PDB file of N, CA and C in Angstrom:
ATOM      1  N   MET A   1       0.853  -1.179   0.000  1.00  0.00           N
ATOM      2  CA  MET A   1       0.000   0.000   0.000  1.00  0.00           C
ATOM      3  C   MET A   1       0.895   1.238   0.000  1.00  0.00           C
ATOM      4  N   ASP A   2       0.587   2.156  -0.897  1.00  0.00           N
ATOM      5  CA  ASP A   2       1.384   3.376  -0.951  1.00  0.00           C
ATOM      6  C   ASP A   2       0.863   4.407   0.055  1.00  0.00           C
ATOM      7  N   VAL A   3       1.632   5.432   0.278  1.00  0.00           N
ATOM      8  CA  VAL A   3       1.316   6.450   1.278  1.00  0.00           C
ATOM      9  C   VAL A   3       0.014   7.172   0.939  1.00  0.00           C
ATOM     10  N   LYS A   4      -0.193   7.486  -0.328  1.00  0.00           N
ATOM     11  CA  LYS A   4      -1.407   8.195  -0.730  1.00  0.00           C
ATOM     12  C   LYS A   4      -2.660   7.383  -0.391  1.00  0.00           C
ATOM     13  N   THR A   5      -2.639   6.094  -0.684  1.00  0.00           N
ATOM     14  CA  THR A   5      -3.778   5.227  -0.387  1.00  0.00           C
ATOM     15  C   THR A   5      -4.027   5.158   1.113  1.00  0.00           C
ATOM     16  N   LEU A   6      -2.979   5.030   1.875  1.00  0.00           N
ATOM     17  CA  LEU A   6      -3.100   4.983   3.334  1.00  0.00           C
ATOM     18  C   LEU A   6      -3.705   6.274   3.876  1.00  0.00           C
ATOM     19  N   LEU A   7      -3.231   7.411   3.408  1.00  0.00           N
ATOM     20  CA  LEU A   7      -3.758   8.691   3.870  1.00  0.00           C
ATOM     21  C   LEU A   7      -5.227   8.876   3.480  1.00  0.00           C
ATOM     22  N   LEU A   8      -5.593   8.469   2.287  1.00  0.00           N
ATOM     23  CA  LEU A   8      -6.990   8.568   1.860  1.00  0.00           C
ATOM     24  C   LEU A   8      -7.893   7.677   2.699  1.00  0.00           C
ATOM     25  N   GLN A   9      -7.426   6.492   3.056  1.00  0.00           N
ATOM     26  CA  GLN A   9      -8.209   5.602   3.923  1.00  0.00           C
ATOM     27  C   GLN A   9      -8.383   6.210   5.309  1.00  0.00           C
ATOM     28  N   GLN A  10      -7.328   6.783   5.851  1.00  0.00           N
ATOM     29  CA  GLN A  10      -7.402   7.397   7.168  1.00  0.00           C
ATOM     30  C   GLN A  10      -8.323   8.613   7.149  1.00  0.00           C
ATOM     31  N   TRP A  11      -8.248   9.412   6.089  1.00  0.00           N
ATOM     32  CA  TRP A  11      -9.116  10.580   5.940  1.00  0.00           C
ATOM     33  C   TRP A  11     -10.572  10.130   5.955  1.00  0.00           C
ATOM     34  N   ALA A  12     -10.890   9.119   5.157  1.00  0.00           N
ATOM     35  CA  ALA A  12     -12.265   8.626   5.068  1.00  0.00           C
ATOM     36  C   ALA A  12     -12.736   8.080   6.405  1.00  0.00           C
ATOM     37  N   SER A  13     -11.889   7.365   7.107  1.00  0.00           N
ATOM     38  CA  SER A  13     -12.319   6.760   8.366  1.00  0.00           C
ATOM     39  C   SER A  13     -12.563   7.811   9.448  1.00  0.00           C
ATOM     40  N   CYS A  14     -11.913   8.942   9.358  1.00  0.00           N
ATOM     41  CA  CYS A  14     -12.125  10.006  10.346  1.00  0.00           C
ATOM     42  C   CYS A  14     -13.246  10.958   9.940  1.00  0.00           C
ATOM     43  N   LEU A  15     -13.396  11.205   8.666  1.00  0.00           N
ATOM     44  CA  LEU A  15     -14.320  12.233   8.205  1.00  0.00           C
ATOM     45  C   LEU A  15     -15.755  11.747   8.048  1.00  0.00           C
ATOM     46  N   ASP A  16     -15.951  10.649   7.345  1.00  0.00           N
ATOM     47  CA  ASP A  16     -17.325  10.302   7.011  1.00  0.00           C
ATOM     48  C   ASP A  16     -17.713   8.833   7.158  1.00  0.00           C
ATOM     49  N   GLU A  17     -16.864   8.010   7.723  1.00  0.00           N
ATOM     50  CA  GLU A  17     -17.213   6.606   7.933  1.00  0.00           C
ATOM     51  C   GLU A  17     -17.418   6.333   9.416  1.00  0.00           C
ATOM     52  N   GLU A  18     -18.506   5.658   9.738  1.00  0.00           N
ATOM     53  CA  GLU A  18     -18.792   5.270  11.127  1.00  0.00           C
ATOM     54  C   GLU A  18     -17.890   4.092  11.487  1.00  0.00           C
ATOM     55  N   ASP A  19     -17.148   4.213  12.560  1.00  0.00           N
ATOM     56  CA  ASP A  19     -16.278   3.135  13.018  1.00  0.00           C
ATOM     57  C   ASP A  19     -16.415   3.057  14.527  1.00  0.00           C
ATOM     58  N   TRP A  20     -15.344   2.983  15.285  1.00  0.00           N
ATOM     59  CA  TRP A  20     -15.441   2.922  16.740  1.00  0.00           C
ATOM     60  C   TRP A  20     -15.651   4.299  17.360  1.00  0.00           C
ATOM     61  N   PHE A  21     -15.645   5.346  16.555  1.00  0.00           N
ATOM     62  CA  PHE A  21     -16.013   6.692  16.990  1.00  0.00           C
ATOM     63  C   PHE A  21     -16.851   7.315  15.876  1.00  0.00           C
ATOM     64  N   PRO A  22     -17.692   8.299  16.212  1.00  0.00           N
ATOM     65  CA  PRO A  22     -18.541   8.907  15.180  1.00  0.00           C
ATOM     66  C   PRO A  22     -17.710   9.701  14.175  1.00  0.00           C
ATOM     67  N   PRO A  23     -18.152   9.757  12.927  1.00  0.00           N
ATOM     68  CA  PRO A  23     -17.406  10.507  11.916  1.00  0.00           C
ATOM     69  C   PRO A  23     -17.430  12.011  12.202  1.00  0.00           C
ATOM     70  N   LEU A  24     -16.343  12.666  11.897  1.00  0.00           N
ATOM     71  CA  LEU A  24     -16.181  14.091  12.178  1.00  0.00           C
ATOM     72  C   LEU A  24     -17.270  14.936  11.526  1.00  0.00           C
ATOM     73  N   GLU A  25     -17.628  14.638  10.290  1.00  0.00           N
ATOM     74  CA  GLU A  25     -18.690  15.392   9.617  1.00  0.00           C
ATOM     75  C   GLU A  25     -19.978  15.383  10.423  1.00  0.00           C
ATOM     76  N   LYS A  26     -20.360  14.236  10.946  1.00  0.00           N
ATOM     77  CA  LYS A  26     -21.599  14.090  11.709  1.00  0.00           C
ATOM     78  C   LYS A  26     -21.523  14.864  13.025  1.00  0.00           C
ATOM     79  N   VAL A  27     -20.403  14.772  13.699  1.00  0.00           N
ATOM     80  CA  VAL A  27     -20.228  15.428  14.995  1.00  0.00           C
ATOM     81  C   VAL A  27     -20.280  16.954  14.859  1.00  0.00           C
ATOM     82  N   LEU A  28     -19.699  17.477  13.804  1.00  0.00           N
ATOM     83  CA  LEU A  28     -19.583  18.923  13.647  1.00  0.00           C
ATOM     84  C   LEU A  28     -20.726  19.578  12.880  1.00  0.00           C
ATOM     85  N   GLU A  29     -21.682  18.814  12.382  1.00  0.00           N
ATOM     86  CA  GLU A  29     -22.698  19.409  11.502  1.00  0.00           C
ATOM     87  C   GLU A  29     -23.572  20.460  12.182  1.00  0.00           C
ATOM     88  N   ASP A  30     -23.791  20.379  13.474  1.00  0.00           N
ATOM     89  CA  ASP A  30     -24.633  21.366  14.165  1.00  0.00           C
ATOM     90  C   ASP A  30     -23.837  22.354  15.019  1.00  0.00           C
ATOM     91  N   ILE A  31     -22.538  22.370  14.877  1.00  0.00           N
ATOM     92  CA  ILE A  31     -21.702  23.279  15.663  1.00  0.00           C
ATOM     93  C   ILE A  31     -21.690  24.659  15.001  1.00  0.00           C
ATOM     94  N   THR A  32     -22.063  25.676  15.769  1.00  0.00           N
ATOM     95  CA  THR A  32     -22.022  27.044  15.264  1.00  0.00           C
ATOM     96  C   THR A  32     -20.615  27.613  15.441  1.00  0.00           C
ATOM     97  N   PHE A  33     -20.349  28.723  14.785  1.00  0.00           N
ATOM     98  CA  PHE A  33     -19.055  29.377  14.927  1.00  0.00           C
ATOM     99  C   PHE A  33     -18.799  29.756  16.383  1.00  0.00           C
ATOM    100  N   GLU A  34     -19.832  30.287  17.047  1.00  0.00           N
ATOM    101  CA  GLU A  34     -19.689  30.704  18.445  1.00  0.00           C
ATOM    102  C   GLU A  34     -19.318  29.524  19.340  1.00  0.00           C
ATOM    103  N   ARG A  35     -19.935  28.392  19.101  1.00  0.00           N
ATOM    104  CA  ARG A  35     -19.600  27.203  19.895  1.00  0.00           C
ATOM    105  C   ARG A  35     -18.212  26.677  19.557  1.00  0.00           C
ATOM    106  N   ALA A  36     -17.803  26.815  18.304  1.00  0.00           N
ATOM    107  CA  ALA A  36     -16.490  26.323  17.879  1.00  0.00           C
ATOM    108  C   ALA A  36     -15.346  27.135  18.490  1.00  0.00           C
ATOM    109  N   ILE A  37     -15.557  28.439  18.711  1.00  0.00           N
ATOM    110  CA  ILE A  37     -14.476  29.266  19.265  1.00  0.00           C
ATOM    111  C   ILE A  37     -14.493  29.318  20.793  1.00  0.00           C
ATOM    112  N   TRP A  38     -15.542  28.764  21.432  1.00  0.00           N
ATOM    113  CA  TRP A  38     -15.639  28.789  22.888  1.00  0.00           C
ATOM    114  C   TRP A  38     -14.526  27.955  23.519  1.00  0.00           C
ATOM    115  N   LYS A  39     -14.009  28.434  24.647  1.00  0.00           N
ATOM    116  CA  LYS A  39     -13.120  27.634  25.498  1.00  0.00           C
ATOM    117  C   LYS A  39     -13.295  28.095  26.937  1.00  0.00           C
ATOM    118  N   PRO A  40     -12.900  27.293  27.902  1.00  0.00           N
ATOM    119  CA  PRO A  40     -13.086  27.648  29.302  1.00  0.00           C
ATOM    120  C   PRO A  40     -12.415  28.980  29.649  1.00  0.00           C
ATOM    121  N   ALA A  41     -12.943  29.639  30.674  1.00  0.00           N
ATOM    122  CA  ALA A  41     -12.434  30.950  31.088  1.00  0.00           C
ATOM    123  C   ALA A  41     -10.957  30.916  31.457  1.00  0.00           C
ATOM    124  N   ASP A  42     -10.501  29.805  32.021  1.00  0.00           N
ATOM    125  CA  ASP A  42      -9.087  29.743  32.416  1.00  0.00           C
ATOM    126  C   ASP A  42      -8.161  29.524  31.222  1.00  0.00           C
ATOM    127  N   GLY A  43      -8.730  29.238  30.045  1.00  0.00           N
ATOM    128  CA  GLY A  43      -7.928  29.098  28.826  1.00  0.00           C
ATOM    129  C   GLY A  43      -7.038  27.865  28.791  1.00  0.00           C
ATOM    130  N   ALA A  44      -7.308  26.896  29.657  1.00  0.00           N
ATOM    131  CA  ALA A  44      -6.441  25.732  29.756  1.00  0.00           C
ATOM    132  C   ALA A  44      -6.604  24.745  28.591  1.00  0.00           C
ATOM    133  N   MET A  45      -7.650  24.926  27.786  1.00  0.00           N
ATOM    134  CA  MET A  45      -7.904  23.995  26.687  1.00  0.00           C
ATOM    135  C   MET A  45      -8.028  24.761  25.377  1.00  0.00           C
ATOM    136  N   ASN A  46      -7.810  24.074  24.276  1.00  0.00           N
ATOM    137  CA  ASN A  46      -8.041  24.672  22.974  1.00  0.00           C
ATOM    138  C   ASN A  46      -9.526  24.616  22.634  1.00  0.00           C
ATOM    139  N   SER A  47      -9.947  25.488  21.747  1.00  0.00           N
ATOM    140  CA  SER A  47     -11.314  25.448  21.243  1.00  0.00           C
ATOM    141  C   SER A  47     -11.386  24.422  20.115  1.00  0.00           C
ATOM    142  N   ILE A  48     -12.593  24.099  19.678  1.00  0.00           N
ATOM    143  CA  ILE A  48     -12.756  23.232  18.511  1.00  0.00           C
ATOM    144  C   ILE A  48     -12.108  23.916  17.300  1.00  0.00           C
ATOM    145  N   TRP A  49     -12.268  25.223  17.213  1.00  0.00           N
ATOM    146  CA  TRP A  49     -11.734  25.991  16.091  1.00  0.00           C
ATOM    147  C   TRP A  49     -10.216  25.810  15.959  1.00  0.00           C
ATOM    148  N   LYS A  50      -9.520  25.820  17.096  1.00  0.00           N
ATOM    149  CA  LYS A  50      -8.065  25.660  17.061  1.00  0.00           C
ATOM    150  C   LYS A  50      -7.716  24.250  16.676  1.00  0.00           C
TER     151      LYS A  50
END
């Protein structure tokens, strides 16, 4: 298997294929910009946007 094929398989498994975790497209479909940039007041975590 070449690198391109491996990367395309990994992209598909994370973006739009249901596996042992929900696909990223499904998880993010209802996230607004305001929710994506939110992070805790102490700033200890990154936002979804980052």
